[in-house]
Amino acid sequence: MNIIETRGLRKRYRIGNEVVNALDGVDVSIREGELVAITGSSGSGKSTLMHVLGFMDRPTEGDLFFEGENVTHLSKKNRAVLRSRKIGVVLQSFNLLPRLSVFENILLPTHYARRRDTERRERAIQVLERVGMEHRKQHTPLELSGGERQRVAIARSLINTPRLILGDEPTGNLDSKNVDKIMDLFGELKREGNTLAIVTHDPHVAGYCDRVIRMKDGVVVENYEKEPKTGNRAEVSEFTLKK
């Protein structure tokens, strides 16, 4: 089953007198239980695609389907509601509020959810335990390492039990050791049945994924799928082009 799918997706921006085709007819789908990498150089359209998939932006043309329903023309308010309930987002910059504790940061997305306060707090503890950060719940983000902050950001993305977790360069600010730890965690989440899509320029990160969608100049130019292998760390060279 496809969690999310695009058909003929186009996104145009006007910069002065010039029209930029950030997306130029993109057809992609993300299946339930996949861990997908969206790759490409700067300006390829991968981050624009991520913003559309996360209901943070609306396409100029084309259709966007979520759980089989066409959601292209939802209002800004309804897109925000759907995003808060169904989509978890992890950013390169972590996007944690520095004056709030880890626990308070985790709770922020639940203000849009219909849950009792005790249920929200219990869920916050669960997701912190899931990423190994429960012992740091009263600390502020400034007291954490980069890898720890990203774990907190991942926990926050899980708080509302999303159908799809999106990462926009989630390892971009981490050293190689923490990159592996975060990608191991994403792999664990995938094996537990979660669906994840990660924008990255790093072939090492893409090597952890089931499938790689490579973009160039606003279009999908390759769609790689991993052949069955033992272990979780395939290199990009171990991917074969999907027929």
Protein backbone atom coordinates (compact mmCIF):
# COMPACT_ATOMS: atom_id res chain seq x y z
CA MET A 1 0.00 0.00 0.00
CA ASN A 2 1.26 3.47 -0.86
CA ILE A 3 1.23 5.84 2.10
CA ILE A 4 1.84 8.82 -0.17
CA GLU A 5 1.98 9.27 -3.95
CA THR A 6 2.47 12.13 -6.40
CA ARG A 7 1.34 12.32 -10.03
CA GLY A 8 2.68 14.91 -12.45
CA LEU A 9 3.80 17.12 -9.58
CA ARG A 10 5.04 20.58 -10.56
CA LYS A 11 6.17 23.48 -8.40
CA ARG A 12 7.11 26.81 -9.95
CA TYR A 13 8.59 29.87 -8.30
CA ARG A 14 8.98 33.32 -9.80
CA ILE A 15 12.25 35.06 -8.97
CA GLY A 16 12.18 38.49 -10.56
CA ASN A 17 11.38 37.93 -14.22
CA GLU A 18 12.53 34.32 -14.14
CA VAL A 19 10.31 31.27 -13.53
CA VAL A 20 12.06 28.42 -11.72
CA ASN A 21 10.69 24.88 -12.13
CA ALA A 22 11.66 23.41 -8.76
CA LEU A 23 9.58 20.31 -9.57
CA ASP A 24 8.86 19.46 -13.19
CA GLY A 25 6.47 16.52 -13.42
CA VAL A 26 7.40 14.26 -10.50
CA ASP A 27 5.78 10.83 -10.06
CA VAL A 28 6.87 9.13 -6.84
CA SER A 29 5.32 6.85 -4.27
CA ILE A 30 6.35 5.68 -0.81
CA ARG A 31 5.05 2.33 0.30
CA GLU A 32 4.06 1.38 3.82
CA GLY A 33 7.05 0.13 5.82
CA GLU A 34 9.74 1.54 3.50
CA LEU A 35 12.84 3.52 4.37
CA VAL A 36 13.45 5.72 1.31
CA ALA A 37 16.25 8.16 0.52
CA ILE A 38 15.60 11.16 -1.74
CA THR A 39 18.94 12.32 -3.08
CA GLY A 40 20.39 14.88 -5.47
CA SER A 41 22.67 17.87 -5.60
CA SER A 42 21.73 21.33 -4.35
CA GLY A 43 18.91 22.73 -6.47
CA SER A 44 17.73 19.32 -7.65
CA GLY A 45 14.28 19.75 -6.11
CA LYS A 46 14.58 17.22 -3.30
CA SER A 47 13.81 19.65 -0.47
CA THR A 48 10.90 21.16 -2.42
CA LEU A 49 9.51 17.65 -2.86
CA MET A 50 9.90 17.04 0.87
CA HIS A 51 7.95 20.22 1.65
CA VAL A 52 5.11 19.11 -0.61
CA LEU A 53 5.08 15.57 0.83
CA GLY A 54 4.96 17.06 4.33
CA PHE A 55 2.01 19.36 3.50
CA MET A 56 4.21 22.39 4.14
CA ASP A 57 3.74 23.60 0.56
CA ARG A 58 1.23 23.10 -2.23
CA PRO A 59 2.15 22.08 -5.79
CA THR A 60 1.52 24.39 -8.73
CA GLU A 61 0.20 21.46 -10.77
CA GLY A 62 -0.33 17.74 -10.35
CA ASP A 63 -1.86 15.61 -7.63
CA LEU A 64 -0.85 14.47 -4.16
CA PHE A 65 -2.44 11.39 -2.60
CA PHE A 66 -2.19 10.41 1.06
CA GLU A 67 -3.52 7.03 2.18
CA GLY A 68 -5.31 6.79 -1.17
CA GLU A 69 -7.11 10.15 -0.87
CA ASN A 70 -6.41 13.13 -3.08
CA VAL A 71 -5.27 15.88 -0.71
CA THR A 72 -3.92 18.31 -3.32
CA HIS A 73 -6.46 21.03 -2.71
CA LEU A 74 -6.80 20.91 1.06
CA SER A 75 -6.87 24.33 2.72
CA LYS A 76 -3.80 25.56 4.58
CA LYS A 77 -5.56 24.88 7.90
CA ASN A 78 -6.54 21.33 6.96
CA ARG A 79 -3.04 20.61 5.66
CA ALA A 80 -1.65 21.73 9.04
CA VAL A 81 -4.09 19.49 10.90
CA LEU A 82 -3.27 16.50 8.70
CA ARG A 83 0.46 17.14 9.11
CA SER A 84 0.19 17.35 12.90
CA ARG A 85 -1.73 14.08 13.14
CA LYS A 86 -0.18 11.98 10.37
CA ILE A 87 3.33 13.30 9.58
CA GLY A 88 6.45 13.41 11.75
CA VAL A 89 9.23 15.75 10.61
CA VAL A 90 12.93 15.65 11.54
CA LEU A 91 15.10 18.59 10.43
CA GLN A 92 18.84 19.09 10.07
CA SER A 93 18.73 22.01 12.52
CA PHE A 94 16.83 19.90 15.13
CA ASN A 95 14.36 22.80 15.59
CA LEU A 96 14.22 22.45 19.37
CA LEU A 97 13.26 25.43 21.51
CA PRO A 98 16.35 26.22 23.64
CA ARG A 99 14.49 27.50 26.73
CA LEU A 100 12.25 24.45 27.02
CA SER A 101 13.29 21.15 28.53
CA VAL A 102 13.59 18.03 26.40
CA PHE A 103 10.28 16.82 27.85
CA GLU A 104 8.53 20.11 27.04
CA ASN A 105 9.92 20.06 23.48
CA ILE A 106 8.59 16.54 22.99
CA LEU A 107 5.11 17.60 24.12
CA LEU A 108 4.80 20.53 21.68
CA PRO A 109 3.20 18.60 18.76
CA THR A 110 0.59 17.05 21.08
CA HIS A 111 -1.15 20.39 21.56
CA TYR A 112 -2.84 19.75 18.20
CA ALA A 113 -3.84 16.20 19.11
CA ARG A 114 -7.00 15.17 20.88
CA ARG A 115 -5.43 13.52 23.92
CA ARG A 116 -5.74 13.87 27.67
CA ASP A 117 -2.81 15.46 29.47
CA THR A 118 -1.87 12.23 31.26
CA GLU A 119 -1.95 10.32 27.97
CA ARG A 120 0.25 12.94 26.29
CA ARG A 121 2.82 12.76 29.08
CA GLU A 122 2.87 8.97 29.09
CA ARG A 123 3.42 8.96 25.34
CA ALA A 124 6.27 11.49 25.71
CA ILE A 125 8.05 9.19 28.15
CA GLN A 126 7.53 6.24 25.81
CA VAL A 127 9.12 7.94 22.80
CA LEU A 128 12.01 9.29 24.88
CA GLU A 129 12.68 5.78 26.14
CA ARG A 130 12.44 4.54 22.55
CA VAL A 131 15.35 6.77 21.47
CA GLY A 132 17.33 6.29 24.69
CA MET A 133 16.86 9.83 25.99
CA GLU A 134 14.48 9.44 28.92
CA HIS A 135 17.31 10.17 31.39
CA ARG A 136 17.79 13.59 29.78
CA LYS A 137 14.15 14.70 29.84
CA GLN A 138 14.72 17.65 32.21
CA HIS A 139 17.76 18.97 30.37
CA THR A 140 17.58 21.79 27.83
CA PRO A 141 18.75 21.30 24.22
CA LEU A 142 21.85 23.43 24.89
CA GLU A 143 22.99 20.80 27.40
CA LEU A 144 22.89 18.03 24.79
CA SER A 145 25.30 16.91 22.09
CA GLY A 146 24.31 17.11 18.43
CA GLY A 147 23.48 13.40 18.32
CA GLU A 148 21.38 13.69 21.46
CA ARG A 149 19.47 16.66 20.06
CA GLN A 150 18.68 14.70 16.92
CA ARG A 151 17.43 11.78 19.01
CA VAL A 152 15.11 14.18 20.82
CA ALA A 153 13.92 15.56 17.47
CA ILE A 154 13.19 12.00 16.31
CA ALA A 155 11.28 11.30 19.52
CA ARG A 156 9.22 14.43 18.93
CA SER A 157 8.42 13.24 15.40
CA LEU A 158 7.05 9.99 16.88
CA ILE A 159 4.87 11.56 19.59
CA ASN A 160 1.62 11.54 17.58
CA THR A 161 2.21 8.05 16.11
CA PRO A 162 2.55 9.35 12.53
CA ARG A 163 1.88 7.34 9.40
CA LEU A 164 4.95 8.84 7.71
CA ILE A 165 8.21 10.22 9.12
CA LEU A 166 10.06 12.72 6.93
CA GLY A 167 13.68 13.76 7.46
CA ASP A 168 15.18 16.80 5.72
CA GLU A 169 18.97 16.26 5.88
CA PRO A 170 18.54 14.84 9.42
CA THR A 171 22.21 13.85 9.69
CA GLY A 172 23.67 16.96 8.06
CA ASN A 173 24.96 18.50 11.30
CA LEU A 174 26.34 15.28 12.79
CA ASP A 175 29.77 13.66 12.81
CA SER A 176 30.19 10.24 11.19
CA LYS A 177 29.78 8.32 14.47
CA ASN A 178 26.45 9.99 15.22
CA VAL A 179 25.34 9.61 11.59
CA ASP A 180 25.62 5.84 11.98
CA LYS A 181 23.77 5.90 15.31
CA ILE A 182 20.90 7.93 13.89
CA MET A 183 20.64 5.79 10.77
CA ASP A 184 20.70 2.64 12.90
CA LEU A 185 17.78 4.13 14.83
CA PHE A 186 15.90 4.90 11.60
CA GLY A 187 16.53 1.30 10.54
CA GLU A 188 15.07 0.03 13.82
CA LEU A 189 12.00 2.22 13.37
CA LYS A 190 11.58 0.85 9.85
CA ARG A 191 11.80 -2.76 11.06
CA GLU A 192 9.11 -1.97 13.64
CA GLY A 193 6.77 -1.07 10.78
CA ASN A 194 7.28 2.68 10.48
CA THR A 195 7.49 4.39 7.08
CA LEU A 196 10.31 6.90 6.56
CA ALA A 197 11.58 9.13 3.75
CA ILE A 198 14.88 11.00 4.13
CA VAL A 199 16.28 13.81 2.01
CA THR A 200 20.06 13.51 1.91
CA HIS A 201 23.07 14.38 -0.24
CA ASP A 202 25.20 11.75 1.56
CA PRO A 203 25.67 8.39 -0.26
CA HIS A 204 26.56 6.77 3.08
CA VAL A 205 23.16 7.72 4.49
CA ALA A 206 21.40 6.57 1.32
CA GLY A 207 23.14 3.22 1.73
CA TYR A 208 21.03 2.46 4.79
CA CYS A 209 17.78 2.76 2.85
CA ASP A 210 15.60 0.25 1.00
CA ARG A 211 15.24 2.50 -2.01
CA VAL A 212 16.90 5.63 -3.41
CA ILE A 213 15.05 8.23 -5.48
CA ARG A 214 17.59 10.49 -7.20
CA MET A 215 16.54 13.89 -8.48
CA LYS A 216 18.09 16.34 -10.92
CA ASP A 217 16.69 19.64 -12.21
CA GLY A 218 13.30 19.01 -10.67
CA VAL A 219 12.72 15.52 -12.07
CA VAL A 220 13.32 11.96 -10.87
CA VAL A 221 16.20 10.55 -12.90
CA GLU A 222 16.76 7.25 -11.09
CA ASN A 223 14.85 4.97 -8.73
CA TYR A 224 17.08 2.41 -7.04
CA GLU A 225 15.92 -0.53 -4.98
CA LYS A 226 18.15 -2.58 -2.70
CA GLU A 227 18.63 -6.25 -3.51
CA PRO A 228 18.08 -8.66 -0.60
CA LYS A 229 21.16 -8.72 1.63
CA THR A 230 22.04 -9.55 5.19
CA GLY A 231 22.80 -6.56 7.37
CA ASN A 232 21.56 -3.01 7.18
CA ARG A 233 24.43 -1.03 5.70
CA ALA A 234 24.43 -1.33 1.93
CA GLU A 235 26.51 1.08 -0.08
CA VAL A 236 24.89 2.94 -2.97
CA SER A 237 26.89 0.76 -5.37
CA GLU A 238 24.97 -2.22 -4.02
CA PHE A 239 21.68 -0.83 -5.28
CA THR A 240 20.25 -1.96 -8.58
CA LEU A 241 18.04 0.14 -10.80
CA LYS A 242 14.41 -0.83 -10.39
CA LYS A 243 12.98 -2.19 -13.64
